[in-house]
Amino acid sequence: MAEFSERIELLRRVRLFNGLSLDDLVSINDLLQERRYRKGAVVFEQGDDGDALYIIESGRVKAAIKDEQSREKILGVFGEGDYFGEMALLSDQPRSASMTVVGDAELLVLPKEAFERFRSEEHTSELQ
């Protein structure tokens, strides 16, 4: 897993966290969970409840949807430093796509309930 300074730089890339102080980013870093996924593992399926933001520390993850004939349509491939699932932190909408690991990956996960606790603290007025 990444060094502390690399983690803070990853958090700075997340648009939702623009404008947060270093102290706030450190607080968010403390809430992150590290998860390792093997090639082919499904992070979540289209239609699942949105319950976390994911940041890719290493590896690649593809976003795909199924059409009416259950054919897969790849929307994109995300790599190191990319993030996905941020709308899950702000809404109760189901996942709009499935995310599958293309090669082994290490992801940082920010659970929605941890983010909501963070937002309820007074130092989060800068959240976008």
N, C-alpha and C. Protein backbone atom coordinates (compact mmCIF):
# COMPACT_ATOMS: atom_id res chain seq x y z
N MET A 1 0.83 -1.18 0.00
CA MET A 1 0.00 0.00 0.00
C MET A 1 0.88 1.25 0.00
N ALA A 2 0.31 2.35 -0.39
CA ALA A 2 1.05 3.60 -0.58
C ALA A 2 1.51 4.21 0.73
N GLU A 3 2.54 5.02 0.61
CA GLU A 3 3.04 5.81 1.73
C GLU A 3 1.99 6.88 2.07
N PHE A 4 2.10 7.44 3.26
CA PHE A 4 1.16 8.45 3.72
C PHE A 4 1.05 9.63 2.74
N SER A 5 2.17 10.18 2.30
CA SER A 5 2.14 11.35 1.41
C SER A 5 1.50 11.00 0.07
N GLU A 6 1.72 9.76 -0.41
CA GLU A 6 1.08 9.33 -1.66
C GLU A 6 -0.43 9.22 -1.49
N ARG A 7 -0.85 8.76 -0.33
CA ARG A 7 -2.29 8.66 -0.04
C ARG A 7 -2.93 10.04 -0.05
N ILE A 8 -2.28 11.01 0.58
CA ILE A 8 -2.83 12.37 0.63
C ILE A 8 -2.96 12.91 -0.80
N GLU A 9 -1.96 12.64 -1.64
CA GLU A 9 -2.04 13.09 -3.04
C GLU A 9 -3.18 12.41 -3.78
N LEU A 10 -3.42 11.13 -3.50
CA LEU A 10 -4.57 10.44 -4.10
C LEU A 10 -5.88 11.13 -3.68
N LEU A 11 -5.99 11.48 -2.41
CA LEU A 11 -7.20 12.14 -1.92
C LEU A 11 -7.38 13.51 -2.55
N ARG A 12 -6.29 14.21 -2.81
CA ARG A 12 -6.38 15.52 -3.46
C ARG A 12 -6.97 15.42 -4.86
N ARG A 13 -6.83 14.28 -5.51
CA ARG A 13 -7.36 14.07 -6.87
C ARG A 13 -8.87 13.89 -6.89
N VAL A 14 -9.45 13.55 -5.75
CA VAL A 14 -10.90 13.31 -5.69
C VAL A 14 -11.60 14.66 -5.67
N ARG A 15 -12.36 14.91 -6.72
CA ARG A 15 -13.01 16.22 -6.88
C ARG A 15 -13.85 16.62 -5.68
N LEU A 16 -14.51 15.67 -5.08
CA LEU A 16 -15.36 15.92 -3.92
C LEU A 16 -14.58 16.54 -2.77
N PHE A 17 -13.28 16.28 -2.72
CA PHE A 17 -12.45 16.76 -1.62
C PHE A 17 -11.71 18.06 -1.94
N ASN A 18 -11.98 18.66 -3.12
CA ASN A 18 -11.34 19.93 -3.47
C ASN A 18 -11.63 20.96 -2.38
N GLY A 19 -10.62 21.70 -1.99
CA GLY A 19 -10.79 22.75 -1.01
C GLY A 19 -10.63 22.31 0.43
N LEU A 20 -10.48 21.00 0.67
CA LEU A 20 -10.29 20.55 2.05
C LEU A 20 -8.86 20.83 2.51
N SER A 21 -8.72 21.10 3.77
CA SER A 21 -7.41 21.34 4.36
C SER A 21 -6.64 20.03 4.47
N LEU A 22 -5.35 20.16 4.71
CA LEU A 22 -4.53 18.97 4.94
C LEU A 22 -5.04 18.18 6.13
N ASP A 23 -5.44 18.88 7.19
CA ASP A 23 -5.99 18.19 8.37
C ASP A 23 -7.22 17.37 8.02
N ASP A 24 -8.10 17.94 7.20
CA ASP A 24 -9.30 17.21 6.78
C ASP A 24 -8.93 15.99 5.94
N LEU A 25 -7.96 16.15 5.04
CA LEU A 25 -7.52 15.01 4.22
C LEU A 25 -6.91 13.92 5.08
N VAL A 26 -6.18 14.31 6.10
CA VAL A 26 -5.62 13.33 7.04
C VAL A 26 -6.75 12.60 7.76
N SER A 27 -7.78 13.33 8.15
CA SER A 27 -8.94 12.70 8.81
C SER A 27 -9.61 11.70 7.88
N ILE A 28 -9.78 12.06 6.62
CA ILE A 28 -10.38 11.15 5.64
C ILE A 28 -9.48 9.93 5.45
N ASN A 29 -8.18 10.16 5.35
CA ASN A 29 -7.24 9.05 5.20
C ASN A 29 -7.40 8.03 6.33
N ASP A 30 -7.64 8.52 7.53
CA ASP A 30 -7.81 7.62 8.68
C ASP A 30 -9.06 6.76 8.56
N LEU A 31 -10.02 7.18 7.74
CA LEU A 31 -11.27 6.44 7.57
C LEU A 31 -11.20 5.39 6.46
N LEU A 32 -10.15 5.46 5.65
CA LEU A 32 -10.04 4.56 4.50
C LEU A 32 -9.75 3.12 4.92
N GLN A 33 -10.34 2.20 4.17
CA GLN A 33 -10.08 0.77 4.35
C GLN A 33 -9.30 0.29 3.13
N GLU A 34 -8.28 -0.53 3.35
CA GLU A 34 -7.50 -1.09 2.26
C GLU A 34 -8.09 -2.43 1.86
N ARG A 35 -8.29 -2.60 0.56
CA ARG A 35 -8.81 -3.89 0.06
C ARG A 35 -8.01 -4.32 -1.16
N ARG A 36 -7.73 -5.60 -1.22
CA ARG A 36 -7.04 -6.19 -2.37
C ARG A 36 -8.04 -7.05 -3.13
N TYR A 37 -7.99 -6.96 -4.45
CA TYR A 37 -8.88 -7.73 -5.30
C TYR A 37 -8.04 -8.46 -6.34
N ARG A 38 -8.46 -9.68 -6.64
CA ARG A 38 -7.81 -10.48 -7.69
C ARG A 38 -8.45 -10.19 -9.04
N LYS A 39 -7.71 -10.46 -10.08
CA LYS A 39 -8.21 -10.29 -11.45
C LYS A 39 -9.56 -10.98 -11.59
N GLY A 40 -10.53 -10.27 -12.17
CA GLY A 40 -11.85 -10.84 -12.39
C GLY A 40 -12.83 -10.62 -11.25
N ALA A 41 -12.35 -10.14 -10.11
CA ALA A 41 -13.24 -9.91 -8.97
C ALA A 41 -14.19 -8.75 -9.27
N VAL A 42 -15.42 -8.90 -8.83
CA VAL A 42 -16.42 -7.86 -9.00
C VAL A 42 -16.41 -6.98 -7.74
N VAL A 43 -16.18 -5.69 -7.94
CA VAL A 43 -16.18 -4.75 -6.82
C VAL A 43 -17.62 -4.49 -6.41
N PHE A 44 -18.48 -4.20 -7.39
CA PHE A 44 -19.92 -4.12 -7.18
C PHE A 44 -20.63 -4.27 -8.52
N GLU A 45 -21.91 -4.61 -8.44
CA GLU A 45 -22.73 -4.84 -9.63
C GLU A 45 -23.66 -3.65 -9.90
N GLN A 46 -23.98 -3.47 -11.15
CA GLN A 46 -24.98 -2.48 -11.54
C GLN A 46 -26.26 -2.77 -10.77
N GLY A 47 -26.84 -1.75 -10.14
CA GLY A 47 -28.07 -1.92 -9.37
C GLY A 47 -27.85 -2.12 -7.89
N ASP A 48 -26.60 -2.44 -7.47
CA ASP A 48 -26.31 -2.58 -6.04
C ASP A 48 -26.50 -1.24 -5.34
N ASP A 49 -26.73 -1.31 -4.03
CA ASP A 49 -26.78 -0.09 -3.24
C ASP A 49 -25.41 0.57 -3.25
N GLY A 50 -25.40 1.89 -3.37
CA GLY A 50 -24.15 2.63 -3.31
C GLY A 50 -23.77 2.84 -1.85
N ASP A 51 -22.61 2.32 -1.45
CA ASP A 51 -22.25 2.40 -0.04
C ASP A 51 -20.82 2.85 0.20
N ALA A 52 -20.07 3.23 -0.86
CA ALA A 52 -18.68 3.61 -0.65
C ALA A 52 -18.09 4.28 -1.89
N LEU A 53 -17.05 5.04 -1.65
CA LEU A 53 -16.18 5.60 -2.68
C LEU A 53 -14.95 4.71 -2.76
N TYR A 54 -14.43 4.50 -3.97
CA TYR A 54 -13.24 3.66 -4.18
C TYR A 54 -12.16 4.49 -4.88
N ILE A 55 -10.93 4.36 -4.40
CA ILE A 55 -9.78 5.01 -5.00
C ILE A 55 -8.79 3.91 -5.36
N ILE A 56 -8.30 3.92 -6.59
CA ILE A 56 -7.40 2.87 -7.05
C ILE A 56 -5.95 3.23 -6.71
N GLU A 57 -5.36 2.44 -5.83
CA GLU A 57 -3.94 2.63 -5.50
C GLU A 57 -3.07 1.94 -6.53
N SER A 58 -3.47 0.77 -6.98
CA SER A 58 -2.75 0.07 -8.03
C SER A 58 -3.72 -0.86 -8.75
N GLY A 59 -3.38 -1.19 -10.00
CA GLY A 59 -4.23 -2.07 -10.78
C GLY A 59 -5.19 -1.30 -11.66
N ARG A 60 -6.13 -2.05 -12.27
CA ARG A 60 -7.12 -1.44 -13.16
C ARG A 60 -8.48 -2.06 -12.90
N VAL A 61 -9.51 -1.24 -13.11
CA VAL A 61 -10.90 -1.67 -12.90
C VAL A 61 -11.73 -1.16 -14.07
N LYS A 62 -12.57 -2.03 -14.62
CA LYS A 62 -13.41 -1.60 -15.75
C LYS A 62 -14.84 -1.34 -15.28
N ALA A 63 -15.44 -0.34 -15.89
CA ALA A 63 -16.85 0.00 -15.66
C ALA A 63 -17.64 -0.52 -16.85
N ALA A 64 -18.72 -1.24 -16.57
CA ALA A 64 -19.53 -1.79 -17.66
C ALA A 64 -21.00 -1.83 -17.25
N ILE A 65 -21.86 -1.78 -18.26
CA ILE A 65 -23.29 -1.94 -18.05
C ILE A 65 -23.77 -3.08 -18.94
N LYS A 66 -24.92 -3.61 -18.62
CA LYS A 66 -25.56 -4.63 -19.47
C LYS A 66 -26.71 -3.98 -20.21
N ASP A 67 -26.81 -4.27 -21.51
CA ASP A 67 -27.93 -3.73 -22.28
C ASP A 67 -29.15 -4.65 -22.14
N GLU A 68 -30.19 -4.35 -22.88
CA GLU A 68 -31.44 -5.11 -22.78
C GLU A 68 -31.28 -6.59 -23.13
N GLN A 69 -30.27 -6.90 -23.95
CA GLN A 69 -30.00 -8.30 -24.32
C GLN A 69 -28.91 -8.91 -23.44
N SER A 70 -28.62 -8.27 -22.32
CA SER A 70 -27.60 -8.73 -21.36
C SER A 70 -26.19 -8.77 -21.94
N ARG A 71 -25.95 -7.96 -22.96
CA ARG A 71 -24.59 -7.84 -23.51
C ARG A 71 -23.86 -6.76 -22.74
N GLU A 72 -22.60 -7.03 -22.47
CA GLU A 72 -21.78 -6.07 -21.72
C GLU A 72 -21.31 -4.94 -22.63
N LYS A 73 -21.43 -3.72 -22.14
CA LYS A 73 -20.90 -2.55 -22.82
C LYS A 73 -19.91 -1.89 -21.87
N ILE A 74 -18.65 -1.86 -22.27
CA ILE A 74 -17.61 -1.28 -21.42
C ILE A 74 -17.65 0.24 -21.54
N LEU A 75 -17.77 0.90 -20.41
CA LEU A 75 -17.84 2.35 -20.37
C LEU A 75 -16.46 2.99 -20.23
N GLY A 76 -15.54 2.27 -19.61
CA GLY A 76 -14.21 2.79 -19.42
C GLY A 76 -13.39 1.90 -18.52
N VAL A 77 -12.10 2.18 -18.49
CA VAL A 77 -11.18 1.46 -17.63
C VAL A 77 -10.45 2.49 -16.78
N PHE A 78 -10.44 2.25 -15.48
CA PHE A 78 -9.82 3.15 -14.52
C PHE A 78 -8.51 2.56 -14.03
N GLY A 79 -7.53 3.43 -13.78
CA GLY A 79 -6.23 2.97 -13.31
C GLY A 79 -5.77 3.71 -12.07
N GLU A 80 -4.52 3.52 -11.74
CA GLU A 80 -3.94 4.10 -10.53
C GLU A 80 -4.24 5.59 -10.43
N GLY A 81 -4.74 5.99 -9.26
CA GLY A 81 -5.07 7.39 -9.01
C GLY A 81 -6.49 7.76 -9.36
N ASP A 82 -7.17 6.91 -10.12
CA ASP A 82 -8.57 7.17 -10.46
C ASP A 82 -9.46 6.78 -9.29
N TYR A 83 -10.67 7.25 -9.32
CA TYR A 83 -11.65 6.93 -8.28
C TYR A 83 -13.01 6.75 -8.91
N PHE A 84 -13.88 6.05 -8.19
CA PHE A 84 -15.24 5.83 -8.68
C PHE A 84 -16.15 5.59 -7.49
N GLY A 85 -17.45 5.78 -7.73
CA GLY A 85 -18.43 5.54 -6.68
C GLY A 85 -18.70 6.73 -5.80
N GLU A 86 -18.18 7.91 -6.16
CA GLU A 86 -18.34 9.08 -5.30
C GLU A 86 -19.79 9.50 -5.12
N MET A 87 -20.64 9.24 -6.11
CA MET A 87 -22.05 9.61 -5.97
C MET A 87 -22.72 8.82 -4.85
N ALA A 88 -22.18 7.67 -4.52
CA ALA A 88 -22.73 6.87 -3.42
C ALA A 88 -22.62 7.60 -2.08
N LEU A 89 -21.63 8.51 -1.98
CA LEU A 89 -21.47 9.25 -0.73
C LEU A 89 -22.51 10.35 -0.58
N LEU A 90 -23.11 10.76 -1.70
CA LEU A 90 -24.01 11.91 -1.69
C LEU A 90 -25.47 11.57 -1.93
N SER A 91 -25.75 10.39 -2.45
CA SER A 91 -27.14 10.05 -2.76
C SER A 91 -27.43 8.61 -2.38
N ASP A 92 -28.70 8.26 -2.45
CA ASP A 92 -29.12 6.89 -2.16
C ASP A 92 -29.45 6.13 -3.45
N GLN A 93 -28.90 6.57 -4.55
CA GLN A 93 -29.15 5.94 -5.84
C GLN A 93 -28.36 4.63 -5.96
N PRO A 94 -28.94 3.64 -6.67
CA PRO A 94 -28.19 2.39 -6.88
C PRO A 94 -27.03 2.61 -7.85
N ARG A 95 -26.10 1.69 -7.85
CA ARG A 95 -24.94 1.75 -8.74
C ARG A 95 -25.41 1.75 -10.20
N SER A 96 -24.84 2.63 -11.00
CA SER A 96 -25.24 2.77 -12.40
C SER A 96 -24.47 1.84 -13.32
N ALA A 97 -23.41 1.22 -12.82
CA ALA A 97 -22.59 0.31 -13.63
C ALA A 97 -21.96 -0.74 -12.72
N SER A 98 -21.47 -1.79 -13.33
CA SER A 98 -20.70 -2.81 -12.61
C SER A 98 -19.23 -2.46 -12.73
N MET A 99 -18.47 -2.75 -11.67
CA MET A 99 -17.03 -2.50 -11.66
C MET A 99 -16.32 -3.83 -11.42
N THR A 100 -15.43 -4.20 -12.35
CA THR A 100 -14.73 -5.48 -12.28
C THR A 100 -13.23 -5.24 -12.40
N VAL A 101 -12.47 -5.93 -11.58
CA VAL A 101 -11.01 -5.78 -11.58
C VAL A 101 -10.44 -6.45 -12.83
N VAL A 102 -9.63 -5.69 -13.59
CA VAL A 102 -9.03 -6.20 -14.82
C VAL A 102 -7.76 -6.98 -14.52
N GLY A 103 -6.97 -6.49 -13.59
CA GLY A 103 -5.77 -7.18 -13.11
C GLY A 103 -5.81 -7.05 -11.60
N ASP A 104 -4.98 -7.75 -10.88
CA ASP A 104 -4.99 -7.59 -9.43
C ASP A 104 -4.96 -6.11 -9.09
N ALA A 105 -5.68 -5.71 -8.05
CA ALA A 105 -5.78 -4.29 -7.71
C ALA A 105 -5.81 -4.09 -6.20
N GLU A 106 -5.31 -2.94 -5.80
CA GLU A 106 -5.41 -2.50 -4.42
C GLU A 106 -6.24 -1.24 -4.42
N LEU A 107 -7.35 -1.27 -3.67
CA LEU A 107 -8.27 -0.15 -3.62
C LEU A 107 -8.38 0.39 -2.21
N LEU A 108 -8.58 1.68 -2.12
CA LEU A 108 -8.89 2.33 -0.86
C LEU A 108 -10.39 2.58 -0.87
N VAL A 109 -11.05 2.24 0.22
CA VAL A 109 -12.50 2.33 0.28
C VAL A 109 -12.89 3.29 1.40
N LEU A 110 -13.75 4.25 1.06
CA LEU A 110 -14.31 5.17 2.05
C LEU A 110 -15.79 4.83 2.19
N PRO A 111 -16.17 4.12 3.26
CA PRO A 111 -17.58 3.76 3.45
C PRO A 111 -18.45 5.00 3.64
N LYS A 112 -19.66 4.92 3.15
CA LYS A 112 -20.59 6.05 3.24
C LYS A 112 -20.84 6.47 4.68
N GLU A 113 -21.02 5.52 5.59
CA GLU A 113 -21.32 5.89 6.98
C GLU A 113 -20.14 6.63 7.62
N ALA A 114 -18.91 6.27 7.27
CA ALA A 114 -17.74 6.98 7.80
C ALA A 114 -17.68 8.40 7.22
N PHE A 115 -17.99 8.52 5.93
CA PHE A 115 -18.00 9.84 5.30
C PHE A 115 -19.08 10.73 5.92
N GLU A 116 -20.25 10.16 6.21
CA GLU A 116 -21.33 10.95 6.82
C GLU A 116 -20.93 11.43 8.22
N ARG A 117 -20.23 10.60 8.98
CA ARG A 117 -19.73 11.05 10.29
C ARG A 117 -18.74 12.20 10.11
N PHE A 118 -17.86 12.06 9.14
CA PHE A 118 -16.88 13.11 8.86
C PHE A 118 -17.58 14.41 8.49
N ARG A 119 -18.59 14.34 7.63
CA ARG A 119 -19.32 15.55 7.20
C ARG A 119 -20.04 16.23 8.35
N SER A 120 -20.43 15.48 9.35
CA SER A 120 -21.18 16.06 10.46
C SER A 120 -20.28 16.86 11.41
N GLU A 121 -18.97 16.71 11.27
CA GLU A 121 -18.04 17.47 12.11
C GLU A 121 -17.90 18.88 11.57
N GLU A 122 -17.53 19.83 12.43
CA GLU A 122 -17.51 21.24 12.05
C GLU A 122 -16.44 21.62 11.04
N HIS A 123 -15.40 20.83 10.84
CA HIS A 123 -14.31 21.22 9.96
C HIS A 123 -14.57 20.88 8.50
N THR A 124 -15.77 20.52 8.12
CA THR A 124 -16.02 20.07 6.75
C THR A 124 -16.82 21.06 5.92
N SER A 125 -16.80 22.32 6.24
CA SER A 125 -17.60 23.30 5.51
C SER A 125 -17.13 23.48 4.07
N GLU A 126 -15.93 23.03 3.74
CA GLU A 126 -15.39 23.22 2.40
C GLU A 126 -15.78 22.11 1.42
N LEU A 127 -16.48 21.07 1.88
CA LEU A 127 -16.84 19.98 0.98
C LEU A 127 -17.68 20.50 -0.18
N GLN A 128 -17.35 20.04 -1.38
CA GLN A 128 -18.06 20.45 -2.60
C GLN A 128 -19.39 19.76 -2.70
